[in-house]
PDB file of N, CA and C in Angstrom:
ATOM      1  N   MET A   1     -14.995  -7.975  24.431  1.00  0.00           N
ATOM      2  CA  MET A   1     -14.188  -6.647  23.783  1.00  0.00           C
ATOM      3  C   MET A   1     -14.745  -6.309  22.454  1.00  0.00           C
ATOM      4  N   SER A   2     -15.292  -5.154  22.117  1.00  0.00           N
ATOM      5  CA  SER A   2     -15.765  -4.732  20.878  1.00  0.00           C
ATOM      6  C   SER A   2     -14.462  -4.424  19.996  1.00  0.00           C
ATOM      7  N   ASP A   3     -15.003  -4.314  18.639  1.00  0.00           N
ATOM      8  CA  ASP A   3     -13.924  -4.143  17.801  1.00  0.00           C
ATOM      9  C   ASP A   3     -13.269  -2.738  18.039  1.00  0.00           C
ATOM     10  N   GLU A   4     -14.343  -1.775  18.261  1.00  0.00           N
ATOM     11  CA  GLU A   4     -13.589  -0.366  18.309  1.00  0.00           C
ATOM     12  C   GLU A   4     -12.736  -0.277  19.598  1.00  0.00           C
ATOM     13  N   ASP A   5     -12.739  -1.043  20.689  1.00  0.00           N
ATOM     14  CA  ASP A   5     -11.970  -0.936  21.616  1.00  0.00           C
ATOM     15  C   ASP A   5     -10.707  -1.477  21.330  1.00  0.00           C
ATOM     16  N   GLN A   6     -10.347  -2.228  20.048  1.00  0.00           N
ATOM     17  CA  GLN A   6      -9.185  -3.122  19.466  1.00  0.00           C
ATOM     18  C   GLN A   6      -8.485  -2.135  18.703  1.00  0.00           C
ATOM     19  N   ILE A   7      -9.007  -0.975  18.191  1.00  0.00           N
ATOM     20  CA  ILE A   7      -8.337  -0.138  17.353  1.00  0.00           C
ATOM     21  C   ILE A   7      -7.512   0.406  18.088  1.00  0.00           C
ATOM     22  N   HIS A   8      -5.987   0.610  17.761  1.00  0.00           N
ATOM     23  CA  HIS A   8      -5.314   1.366  18.502  1.00  0.00           C
ATOM     24  C   HIS A   8      -5.051   2.627  17.733  1.00  0.00           C
ATOM     25  N   ILE A   9      -5.353   3.696  18.002  1.00  0.00           N
ATOM     26  CA  ILE A   9      -5.396   5.266  17.722  1.00  0.00           C
ATOM     27  C   ILE A   9      -3.901   5.979  17.912  1.00  0.00           C
ATOM     28  N   PRO A  10      -3.082   6.023  17.137  1.00  0.00           N
ATOM     29  CA  PRO A  10      -1.631   6.811  17.622  1.00  0.00           C
ATOM     30  C   PRO A  10      -2.155   8.141  17.894  1.00  0.00           C
ATOM     31  N   PRO A  11      -1.090   8.437  18.922  1.00  0.00           N
ATOM     32  CA  PRO A  11      -0.991   9.873  19.637  1.00  0.00           C
ATOM     33  C   PRO A  11      -1.069  11.127  18.530  1.00  0.00           C
ATOM     34  N   SER A  12      -0.081  10.870  17.363  1.00  0.00           N
ATOM     35  CA  SER A  12      -0.295  11.678  16.297  1.00  0.00           C
ATOM     36  C   SER A  12      -1.461  11.937  15.697  1.00  0.00           C
ATOM     37  N   PHE A  13      -2.469  11.044  15.811  1.00  0.00           N
ATOM     38  CA  PHE A  13      -3.929  11.281  15.202  1.00  0.00           C
ATOM     39  C   PHE A  13      -4.719  11.890  16.329  1.00  0.00           C
ATOM     40  N   GLU A  14      -4.738  11.499  17.673  1.00  0.00           N
ATOM     41  CA  GLU A  14      -5.226  11.969  18.953  1.00  0.00           C
ATOM     42  C   GLU A  14      -4.867  13.267  18.732  1.00  0.00           C
ATOM     43  N   ALA A  15      -3.973  13.838  18.449  1.00  0.00           N
ATOM     44  CA  ALA A  15      -3.372  15.376  18.562  1.00  0.00           C
ATOM     45  C   ALA A  15      -4.279  16.202  17.588  1.00  0.00           C
ATOM     46  N   VAL A  16      -5.012  15.685  16.743  1.00  0.00           N
ATOM     47  CA  VAL A  16      -5.589  16.234  15.581  1.00  0.00           C
ATOM     48  C   VAL A  16      -7.068  16.446  16.401  1.00  0.00           C
ATOM     49  N   TYR A  17      -7.527  15.641  17.199  1.00  0.00           N
ATOM     50  CA  TYR A  17      -8.917  16.046  17.820  1.00  0.00           C
ATOM     51  C   TYR A  17      -9.065  16.267  19.422  1.00  0.00           C
ATOM     52  N   ARG A  18      -7.629  16.617  19.896  1.00  0.00           N
ATOM     53  CA  ARG A  18      -7.653  16.996  21.455  1.00  0.00           C
ATOM     54  C   ARG A  18      -7.243  18.369  21.516  1.00  0.00           C
ATOM     55  N   ASP A  19      -8.163  18.771  22.391  1.00  0.00           N
ATOM     56  CA  ASP A  19      -7.682  20.414  22.876  1.00  0.00           C
ATOM     57  C   ASP A  19      -6.683  20.379  23.704  1.00  0.00           C
ATOM     58  N   ALA A  20      -6.419  21.736  24.199  1.00  0.00           N
ATOM     59  CA  ALA A  20      -5.179  22.149  25.143  1.00  0.00           C
ATOM     60  C   ALA A  20      -5.019  21.158  26.247  1.00  0.00           C
ATOM     61  N   ARG A  21      -6.632  20.877  26.817  1.00  0.00           N
ATOM     62  CA  ARG A  21      -6.821  20.075  28.130  1.00  0.00           C
ATOM     63  C   ARG A  21      -6.631  18.621  27.680  1.00  0.00           C
ATOM     64  N   ARG A  22      -6.618  18.291  26.591  1.00  0.00           N
ATOM     65  CA  ARG A  22      -6.343  16.657  26.290  1.00  0.00           C
ATOM     66  C   ARG A  22      -7.909  16.034  26.092  1.00  0.00           C
ATOM     67  N   ARG A  23      -8.612  16.972  26.135  1.00  0.00           N
ATOM     68  CA  ARG A  23     -10.014  16.481  25.661  1.00  0.00           C
ATOM     69  C   ARG A  23     -10.397  16.439  24.466  1.00  0.00           C
ATOM     70  N   LEU A  24     -11.178  15.015  24.054  1.00  0.00           N
ATOM     71  CA  LEU A  24     -11.734  14.983  22.597  1.00  0.00           C
ATOM     72  C   LEU A  24     -12.600  16.017  22.294  1.00  0.00           C
ATOM     73  N   THR A  25     -12.370  16.750  21.167  1.00  0.00           N
ATOM     74  CA  THR A  25     -13.346  17.588  20.609  1.00  0.00           C
ATOM     75  C   THR A  25     -14.486  17.184  19.803  1.00  0.00           C
ATOM     76  N   VAL A  26     -14.398  16.058  19.476  1.00  0.00           N
ATOM     77  CA  VAL A  26     -15.757  15.490  18.849  1.00  0.00           C
ATOM     78  C   VAL A  26     -16.234  14.306  19.521  1.00  0.00           C
ATOM     79  N   PRO A  27     -17.359  13.730  19.420  1.00  0.00           N
ATOM     80  CA  PRO A  27     -17.857  12.506  19.864  1.00  0.00           C
ATOM     81  C   PRO A  27     -16.873  11.440  19.675  1.00  0.00           C
ATOM     82  N   ARG A  28     -16.668  10.321  20.523  1.00  0.00           N
ATOM     83  CA  ARG A  28     -15.648   9.064  20.338  1.00  0.00           C
ATOM     84  C   ARG A  28     -15.800   8.352  19.066  1.00  0.00           C
ATOM     85  N   ASP A  29     -17.191   8.008  18.701  1.00  0.00           N
ATOM     86  CA  ASP A  29     -17.546   7.141  17.530  1.00  0.00           C
ATOM     87  C   ASP A  29     -16.991   8.010  16.348  1.00  0.00           C
ATOM     88  N   GLU A  30     -17.324   9.491  16.359  1.00  0.00           N
ATOM     89  CA  GLU A  30     -16.983  10.261  15.145  1.00  0.00           C
ATOM     90  C   GLU A  30     -15.324  10.174  14.882  1.00  0.00           C
ATOM     91  N   PHE A  31     -14.519  10.334  16.033  1.00  0.00           N
ATOM     92  CA  PHE A  31     -13.181  10.353  16.359  1.00  0.00           C
ATOM     93  C   PHE A  31     -12.639   9.009  15.610  1.00  0.00           C
ATOM     94  N   ARG A  32     -13.055   7.876  16.213  1.00  0.00           N
ATOM     95  CA  ARG A  32     -12.661   6.322  15.820  1.00  0.00           C
ATOM     96  C   ARG A  32     -13.045   6.398  14.215  1.00  0.00           C
ATOM     97  N   ALA A  33     -14.264   6.972  13.732  1.00  0.00           N
ATOM     98  CA  ALA A  33     -14.505   6.988  12.130  1.00  0.00           C
ATOM     99  C   ALA A  33     -13.420   7.946  11.382  1.00  0.00           C
ATOM    100  N   ARG A  34     -13.270   8.932  11.910  1.00  0.00           N
ATOM    101  CA  ARG A  34     -12.137   9.748  11.346  1.00  0.00           C
ATOM    102  C   ARG A  34     -10.884   9.211  11.280  1.00  0.00           C
ATOM    103  N   TYR A  35     -10.608   8.586  12.339  1.00  0.00           N
ATOM    104  CA  TYR A  35      -9.262   7.877  12.098  1.00  0.00           C
ATOM    105  C   TYR A  35      -9.150   6.773  11.105  1.00  0.00           C
ATOM    106  N   GLU A  36     -10.117   6.042  11.080  1.00  0.00           N
ATOM    107  CA  GLU A  36     -10.184   4.959  10.121  1.00  0.00           C
ATOM    108  C   GLU A  36     -10.182   5.400   8.727  1.00  0.00           C
ATOM    109  N   LEU A  37     -11.118   6.527   8.599  1.00  0.00           N
ATOM    110  CA  LEU A  37     -11.045   7.192   7.116  1.00  0.00           C
ATOM    111  C   LEU A  37      -9.813   7.518   6.551  1.00  0.00           C
ATOM    112  N   CYS A  38      -8.918   8.330   7.539  1.00  0.00           N
ATOM    113  CA  CYS A  38      -7.766   8.897   7.492  1.00  0.00           C
ATOM    114  C   CYS A  38      -6.566   7.904   7.128  1.00  0.00           C
ATOM    115  N   GLU A  39      -6.526   6.765   8.246  1.00  0.00           N
ATOM    116  CA  GLU A  39      -5.973   5.771   8.048  1.00  0.00           C
ATOM    117  C   GLU A  39      -5.896   4.773   6.731  1.00  0.00           C
ATOM    118  N   ASP A  40      -7.341   4.676   6.346  1.00  0.00           N
ATOM    119  CA  ASP A  40      -7.650   3.958   5.147  1.00  0.00           C
ATOM    120  C   ASP A  40      -7.182   4.807   3.730  1.00  0.00           C
ATOM    121  N   MET A  41      -7.442   6.170   3.762  1.00  0.00           N
ATOM    122  CA  MET A  41      -6.808   6.966   2.788  1.00  0.00           C
ATOM    123  C   MET A  41      -5.301   6.913   2.611  1.00  0.00           C
ATOM    124  N   ALA A  42      -4.516   7.048   3.669  1.00  0.00           N
ATOM    125  CA  ALA A  42      -3.199   6.917   3.785  1.00  0.00           C
ATOM    126  C   ALA A  42      -2.532   5.311   2.915  1.00  0.00           C
ATOM    127  N   GLN A  43      -3.344   4.321   3.525  1.00  0.00           N
ATOM    128  CA  GLN A  43      -2.973   3.164   2.893  1.00  0.00           C
ATOM    129  C   GLN A  43      -3.230   2.795   1.444  1.00  0.00           C
ATOM    130  N   MET A  44      -4.505   3.580   1.013  1.00  0.00           N
ATOM    131  CA  MET A  44      -4.789   3.412  -0.283  1.00  0.00           C
ATOM    132  C   MET A  44      -4.136   4.329  -1.165  1.00  0.00           C
ATOM    133  N   LEU A  45      -3.427   5.387  -0.517  1.00  0.00           N
ATOM    134  CA  LEU A  45      -2.678   6.308  -1.651  1.00  0.00           C
ATOM    135  C   LEU A  45      -0.834   5.778  -1.822  1.00  0.00           C
ATOM    136  N   VAL A  46      -0.308   4.689  -1.013  1.00  0.00           N
ATOM    137  CA  VAL A  46       0.802   4.213  -1.136  1.00  0.00           C
ATOM    138  C   VAL A  46       1.137   3.797  -2.418  1.00  0.00           C
ATOM    139  N   GLU A  47      -0.017   2.598  -3.349  1.00  0.00           N
ATOM    140  CA  GLU A  47       0.617   1.928  -4.457  1.00  0.00           C
ATOM    141  C   GLU A  47       0.403   3.243  -5.552  1.00  0.00           C
ATOM    142  N   PRO A  48      -0.427   4.127  -5.683  1.00  0.00           N
ATOM    143  CA  PRO A  48      -0.293   4.835  -6.812  1.00  0.00           C
ATOM    144  C   PRO A  48       0.647   6.146  -6.403  1.00  0.00           C
ATOM    145  N   SER A  49       1.154   6.517  -5.216  1.00  0.00           N
ATOM    146  CA  SER A  49       2.311   7.200  -4.940  1.00  0.00           C
ATOM    147  C   SER A  49       3.369   6.671  -5.422  1.00  0.00           C
ATOM    148  N   GLN A  50       3.823   5.431  -5.137  1.00  0.00           N
ATOM    149  CA  GLN A  50       4.848   4.564  -5.641  1.00  0.00           C
ATOM    150  C   GLN A  50       4.957   4.602  -7.148  1.00  0.00           C
ATOM    151  N   ALA A  51       3.679   4.450  -7.695  1.00  0.00           N
ATOM    152  CA  ALA A  51       3.737   4.431  -9.287  1.00  0.00           C
ATOM    153  C   ALA A  51       4.093   5.540  -9.922  1.00  0.00           C
ATOM    154  N   VAL A  52       3.541   6.805  -9.352  1.00  0.00           N
ATOM    155  CA  VAL A  52       4.011   8.161  -9.939  1.00  0.00           C
ATOM    156  C   VAL A  52       5.363   8.178  -9.819  1.00  0.00           C
ATOM    157  N   HIS A  53       5.823   8.118  -8.581  1.00  0.00           N
ATOM    158  CA  HIS A  53       7.272   8.220  -8.267  1.00  0.00           C
ATOM    159  C   HIS A  53       8.362   7.498  -9.251  1.00  0.00           C
ATOM    160  N   HIS A  54       7.996   6.282  -9.357  1.00  0.00           N
ATOM    161  CA  HIS A  54       8.871   5.325 -10.097  1.00  0.00           C
ATOM    162  C   HIS A  54       8.429   5.434 -11.980  1.00  0.00           C
ATOM    163  N   ASP A  55       7.123   5.421 -12.238  1.00  0.00           N
ATOM    164  CA  ASP A  55       6.942   5.485 -13.589  1.00  0.00           C
ATOM    165  C   ASP A  55       7.245   6.770 -14.344  1.00  0.00           C
ATOM    166  N   GLN A  56       6.796   8.185 -13.465  1.00  0.00           N
ATOM    167  CA  GLN A  56       6.834   9.316 -13.967  1.00  0.00           C
ATOM    168  C   GLN A  56       8.072  10.189 -13.192  1.00  0.00           C
ATOM    169  N   GLY A  57       8.794   9.725 -12.580  1.00  0.00           N
ATOM    170  CA  GLY A  57       9.874  10.375 -12.089  1.00  0.00           C
ATOM    171  C   GLY A  57       9.591  11.362 -10.984  1.00  0.00           C
ATOM    172  N   VAL A  58       8.463  11.615 -10.694  1.00  0.00           N
ATOM    173  CA  VAL A  58       8.000  12.514  -9.944  1.00  0.00           C
ATOM    174  C   VAL A  58       8.771  12.692  -8.442  1.00  0.00           C
ATOM    175  N   GLU A  59       9.300  13.786  -7.807  1.00  0.00           N
ATOM    176  CA  GLU A  59      10.053  13.495  -6.939  1.00  0.00           C
ATOM    177  C   GLU A  59       9.200  13.420  -5.575  1.00  0.00           C
ATOM    178  N   GLU A  60       9.630  12.723  -4.446  1.00  0.00           N
ATOM    179  CA  GLU A  60       8.526  12.230  -3.388  1.00  0.00           C
ATOM    180  C   GLU A  60       8.017  13.649  -2.935  1.00  0.00           C
ATOM    181  N   ASP A  61       8.739  14.597  -2.582  1.00  0.00           N
ATOM    182  CA  ASP A  61       8.234  15.814  -1.968  1.00  0.00           C
ATOM    183  C   ASP A  61       7.169  16.378  -2.716  1.00  0.00           C
ATOM    184  N   GLU A  62       7.209  16.400  -3.946  1.00  0.00           N
ATOM    185  CA  GLU A  62       6.433  16.880  -4.974  1.00  0.00           C
ATOM    186  C   GLU A  62       5.073  15.960  -4.924  1.00  0.00           C
ATOM    187  N   ILE A  63       5.132  14.792  -4.657  1.00  0.00           N
ATOM    188  CA  ILE A  63       3.958  13.833  -4.722  1.00  0.00           C
ATOM    189  C   ILE A  63       3.217  14.267  -3.397  1.00  0.00           C
ATOM    190  N   LEU A  64       3.983  14.376  -2.148  1.00  0.00           N
ATOM    191  CA  LEU A  64       3.315  14.585  -1.003  1.00  0.00           C
ATOM    192  C   LEU A  64       2.786  15.871  -1.116  1.00  0.00           C
ATOM    193  N   ALA A  65       3.191  16.907  -1.572  1.00  0.00           N
ATOM    194  CA  ALA A  65       2.799  18.256  -1.836  1.00  0.00           C
ATOM    195  C   ALA A  65       1.310  18.174  -2.535  1.00  0.00           C
ATOM    196  N   ARG A  66       1.214  17.544  -3.746  1.00  0.00           N
ATOM    197  CA  ARG A  66       0.411  17.461  -4.298  1.00  0.00           C
ATOM    198  C   ARG A  66      -0.989  16.863  -3.625  1.00  0.00           C
ATOM    199  N   THR A  67      -0.461  15.680  -2.946  1.00  0.00           N
ATOM    200  CA  THR A  67      -1.533  14.912  -2.363  1.00  0.00           C
ATOM    201  C   THR A  67      -2.155  15.863  -1.201  1.00  0.00           C
ATOM    202  N   GLN A  68      -1.378  16.661  -0.359  1.00  0.00           N
ATOM    203  CA  GLN A  68      -2.018  17.151   0.674  1.00  0.00           C
ATOM    204  C   GLN A  68      -2.894  18.450  -0.098  1.00  0.00           C
ATOM    205  N   ALA A  69      -2.341  19.124  -1.230  1.00  0.00           N
ATOM    206  CA  ALA A  69      -3.263  20.059  -1.778  1.00  0.00           C
ATOM    207  C   ALA A  69      -4.494  19.324  -2.232  1.00  0.00           C
ATOM    208  N   GLY A  70      -4.426  18.219  -2.761  1.00  0.00           N
ATOM    209  CA  GLY A  70      -5.742  17.489  -3.281  1.00  0.00           C
ATOM    210  C   GLY A  70      -6.669  17.309  -1.578  1.00  0.00           C
ATOM    211  N   LEU A  71      -6.051  16.968  -0.803  1.00  0.00           N
ATOM    212  CA  LEU A  71      -6.679  16.424   0.459  1.00  0.00           C
ATOM    213  C   LEU A  71      -7.329  17.498   1.313  1.00  0.00           C
ATOM    214  N   THR A  72      -6.572  18.719   1.070  1.00  0.00           N
ATOM    215  CA  THR A  72      -7.405  20.248   1.545  1.00  0.00           C
ATOM    216  C   THR A  72      -8.185  20.880   1.009  1.00  0.00           C
ATOM    217  N   SER A  73      -8.464  20.499  -0.401  1.00  0.00           N
ATOM    218  CA  SER A  73      -9.749  21.121  -1.173  1.00  0.00           C
ATOM    219  C   SER A  73     -10.926  20.735  -0.408  1.00  0.00           C
ATOM    220  N   ALA A  74     -11.839  21.840  -0.415  1.00  0.00           N
ATOM    221  CA  ALA A  74     -13.058  21.613   0.135  1.00  0.00           C
ATOM    222  C   ALA A  74     -13.776  20.287  -0.196  1.00  0.00           C
ATOM    223  N   GLU A  75     -13.720  19.798  -1.437  1.00  0.00           N
ATOM    224  CA  GLU A  75     -14.574  18.625  -1.909  1.00  0.00           C
ATOM    225  C   GLU A  75     -13.770  17.414  -1.122  1.00  0.00           C
ATOM    226  N   SER A  76     -12.665  17.456  -0.733  1.00  0.00           N
ATOM    227  CA  SER A  76     -12.046  16.165  -0.065  1.00  0.00           C
ATOM    228  C   SER A  76     -12.581  15.263   0.999  1.00  0.00           C
ATOM    229  N   GLY A  77     -13.485  16.311   1.762  1.00  0.00           N
ATOM    230  CA  GLY A  77     -14.142  15.661   2.956  1.00  0.00           C
ATOM    231  C   GLY A  77     -13.053  15.714   3.929  1.00  0.00           C
ATOM    232  N   PHE A  78     -11.919  15.938   4.063  1.00  0.00           N
ATOM    233  CA  PHE A  78     -11.014  16.164   5.046  1.00  0.00           C
ATOM    234  C   PHE A  78     -10.565  17.588   5.626  1.00  0.00           C
ATOM    235  N   ASN A  79     -10.392  17.540   6.712  1.00  0.00           N
ATOM    236  CA  ASN A  79     -10.187  19.156   7.361  1.00  0.00           C
ATOM    237  C   ASN A  79      -8.863  19.342   7.195  1.00  0.00           C
ATOM    238  N   PRO A  80      -8.003  20.448   7.131  1.00  0.00           N
ATOM    239  CA  PRO A  80      -6.537  20.525   6.952  1.00  0.00           C
ATOM    240  C   PRO A  80      -5.856  19.800   7.868  1.00  0.00           C
ATOM    241  N   ALA A  81      -5.953  19.560   9.353  1.00  0.00           N
ATOM    242  CA  ALA A  81      -5.229  18.778  10.303  1.00  0.00           C
ATOM    243  C   ALA A  81      -5.472  17.318   9.776  1.00  0.00           C
ATOM    244  N   GLU A  82      -6.454  16.983   9.354  1.00  0.00           N
ATOM    245  CA  GLU A  82      -6.528  15.451   8.695  1.00  0.00           C
ATOM    246  C   GLU A  82      -5.521  15.254   7.538  1.00  0.00           C
ATOM    247  N   ALA A  83      -5.576  16.313   6.730  1.00  0.00           N
ATOM    248  CA  ALA A  83      -4.942  16.102   5.459  1.00  0.00           C
ATOM    249  C   ALA A  83      -3.201  16.011   5.824  1.00  0.00           C
ATOM    250  N   LEU A  84      -3.126  16.933   6.686  1.00  0.00           N
ATOM    251  CA  LEU A  84      -1.513  16.871   7.053  1.00  0.00           C
ATOM    252  C   LEU A  84      -1.233  15.363   7.700  1.00  0.00           C
ATOM    253  N   TRP A  85      -2.277  15.135   8.253  1.00  0.00           N
ATOM    254  CA  TRP A  85      -1.730  13.771   9.179  1.00  0.00           C
ATOM    255  C   TRP A  85      -1.765  12.555   8.019  1.00  0.00           C
ATOM    256  N   VAL A  86      -2.726  12.936   7.183  1.00  0.00           N
ATOM    257  CA  VAL A  86      -2.742  11.653   6.064  1.00  0.00           C
ATOM    258  C   VAL A  86      -1.257  11.590   5.281  1.00  0.00           C
ATOM    259  N   VAL A  87      -0.970  12.842   4.963  1.00  0.00           N
ATOM    260  CA  VAL A  87       0.470  12.850   4.221  1.00  0.00           C
ATOM    261  C   VAL A  87       1.170  12.236   5.025  1.00  0.00           C
ATOM    262  N   ILE A  88       1.712  12.923   6.151  1.00  0.00           N
ATOM    263  CA  ILE A  88       2.690  12.447   7.173  1.00  0.00           C
ATOM    264  C   ILE A  88       2.606  10.972   7.306  1.00  0.00           C
ATOM    265  N   ARG A  89       1.457  10.320   7.441  1.00  0.00           N
ATOM    266  CA  ARG A  89       1.275   8.649   7.486  1.00  0.00           C
ATOM    267  C   ARG A  89       1.796   8.282   6.285  1.00  0.00           C
ATOM    268  N   LEU A  90       1.136   8.936   4.924  1.00  0.00           N
ATOM    269  CA  LEU A  90       1.757   8.236   3.858  1.00  0.00           C
ATOM    270  C   LEU A  90       3.306   8.044   3.602  1.00  0.00           C
ATOM    271  N   ALA A  91       3.843   9.392   3.992  1.00  0.00           N
ATOM    272  CA  ALA A  91       5.403   9.361   4.133  1.00  0.00           C
ATOM    273  C   ALA A  91       5.945   8.262   4.646  1.00  0.00           C
ATOM    274  N   GLU A  92       5.451   7.998   5.943  1.00  0.00           N
ATOM    275  CA  GLU A  92       5.929   7.009   6.773  1.00  0.00           C
ATOM    276  C   GLU A  92       5.921   5.269   6.329  1.00  0.00           C
ATOM    277  N   LEU A  93       4.534   5.355   5.713  1.00  0.00           N
ATOM    278  CA  LEU A  93       4.404   4.013   5.012  1.00  0.00           C
ATOM    279  C   LEU A  93       5.228   3.890   3.769  1.00  0.00           C
ATOM    280  N   LEU A  94       5.672   4.991   3.003  1.00  0.00           N
ATOM    281  CA  LEU A  94       6.535   5.322   1.893  1.00  0.00           C
ATOM    282  C   LEU A  94       7.938   4.846   2.390  1.00  0.00           C
ATOM    283  N   GLY A  95       8.421   5.655   3.493  1.00  0.00           N
ATOM    284  CA  GLY A  95       9.744   5.667   3.847  1.00  0.00           C
ATOM    285  C   GLY A  95      10.488   6.728   3.503  1.00  0.00           C
ATOM    286  N   TRP A  96       9.615   7.905   2.984  1.00  0.00           N
ATOM    287  CA  TRP A  96       9.816   8.991   2.405  1.00  0.00           C
ATOM    288  C   TRP A  96      10.429   9.954   3.535  1.00  0.00           C
ATOM    289  N   ARG A  97      10.969  10.939   3.285  1.00  0.00           N
ATOM    290  CA  ARG A  97      11.232  12.054   4.393  1.00  0.00           C
ATOM    291  C   ARG A  97      10.069  13.026   4.385  1.00  0.00           C
ATOM    292  N   HIS A  98       9.643  13.510   5.445  1.00  0.00           N
ATOM    293  CA  HIS A  98       8.682  14.731   5.610  1.00  0.00           C
ATOM    294  C   HIS A  98       8.921  15.202   7.078  1.00  0.00           C
ATOM    295  N   ASP A  99       8.788  16.658   6.545  1.00  0.00           N
ATOM    296  CA  ASP A  99       9.150  17.616   7.940  1.00  0.00           C
ATOM    297  C   ASP A  99       8.466  17.021   9.314  1.00  0.00           C
ATOM    298  N   GLY A 100       7.252  16.247   9.002  1.00  0.00           N
ATOM    299  CA  GLY A 100       6.465  16.042  10.120  1.00  0.00           C
ATOM    300  C   GLY A 100       6.993  14.587  10.783  1.00  0.00           C
ATOM    301  N   LEU A 101       8.018  14.098  10.111  1.00  0.00           N
ATOM    302  CA  LEU A 101       8.561  12.784  10.716  1.00  0.00           C
ATOM    303  C   LEU A 101       9.939  13.012  11.390  1.00  0.00           C
ATOM    304  N   PRO A 102      10.355  12.369  12.372  1.00  0.00           N
ATOM    305  CA  PRO A 102      11.525  12.342  12.951  1.00  0.00           C
ATOM    306  C   PRO A 102      12.626  11.729  11.928  1.00  0.00           C
ATOM    307  N   VAL A 103      13.815  12.513  12.153  1.00  0.00           N
ATOM    308  CA  VAL A 103      14.825  11.948  11.228  1.00  0.00           C
ATOM    309  C   VAL A 103      15.636  10.885  11.727  1.00  0.00           C
ATOM    310  N   ALA A 104      15.706   9.933  11.063  1.00  0.00           N
ATOM    311  CA  ALA A 104      16.827   8.730  11.597  1.00  0.00           C
ATOM    312  C   ALA A 104      18.035   8.932  11.693  1.00  0.00           C
ATOM    313  N   GLU A 105      18.488   8.512  12.908  1.00  0.00           N
ATOM    314  CA  GLU A 105      20.063   8.727  13.094  1.00  0.00           C
ATOM    315  C   GLU A 105      20.977   7.725  12.441  1.00  0.00           C
ATOM    316  N   GLY A 106      22.212   8.223  12.221  1.00  0.00           N
ATOM    317  CA  GLY A 106      22.959   7.198  11.760  1.00  0.00           C
ATOM    318  C   GLY A 106      23.303   7.157  10.290  1.00  0.00           C
TER     319      GLY A 106
END
């Protein structure tokens, strides 16, 4: 089994690259590479986001908004849907509230 077959790509990311008929809109290799890039970016942003929140007192939603603004810039290399996915994933990793995440009951 190849490494690429072992990568679990979540449905939330698949939605970024599937059309209304559920077909991928890019070649599979590109799809996997884009997922890995987006997941790596979300993981890399965890520590700096925590530091800004704790050290500078910046609110969670402001950090997420600034992150999304940076990721949607033309120079970032991310398309708007990927940028949103990265921010939602970052919020999930940090345990922060985001409109793109389900609200926990209880």
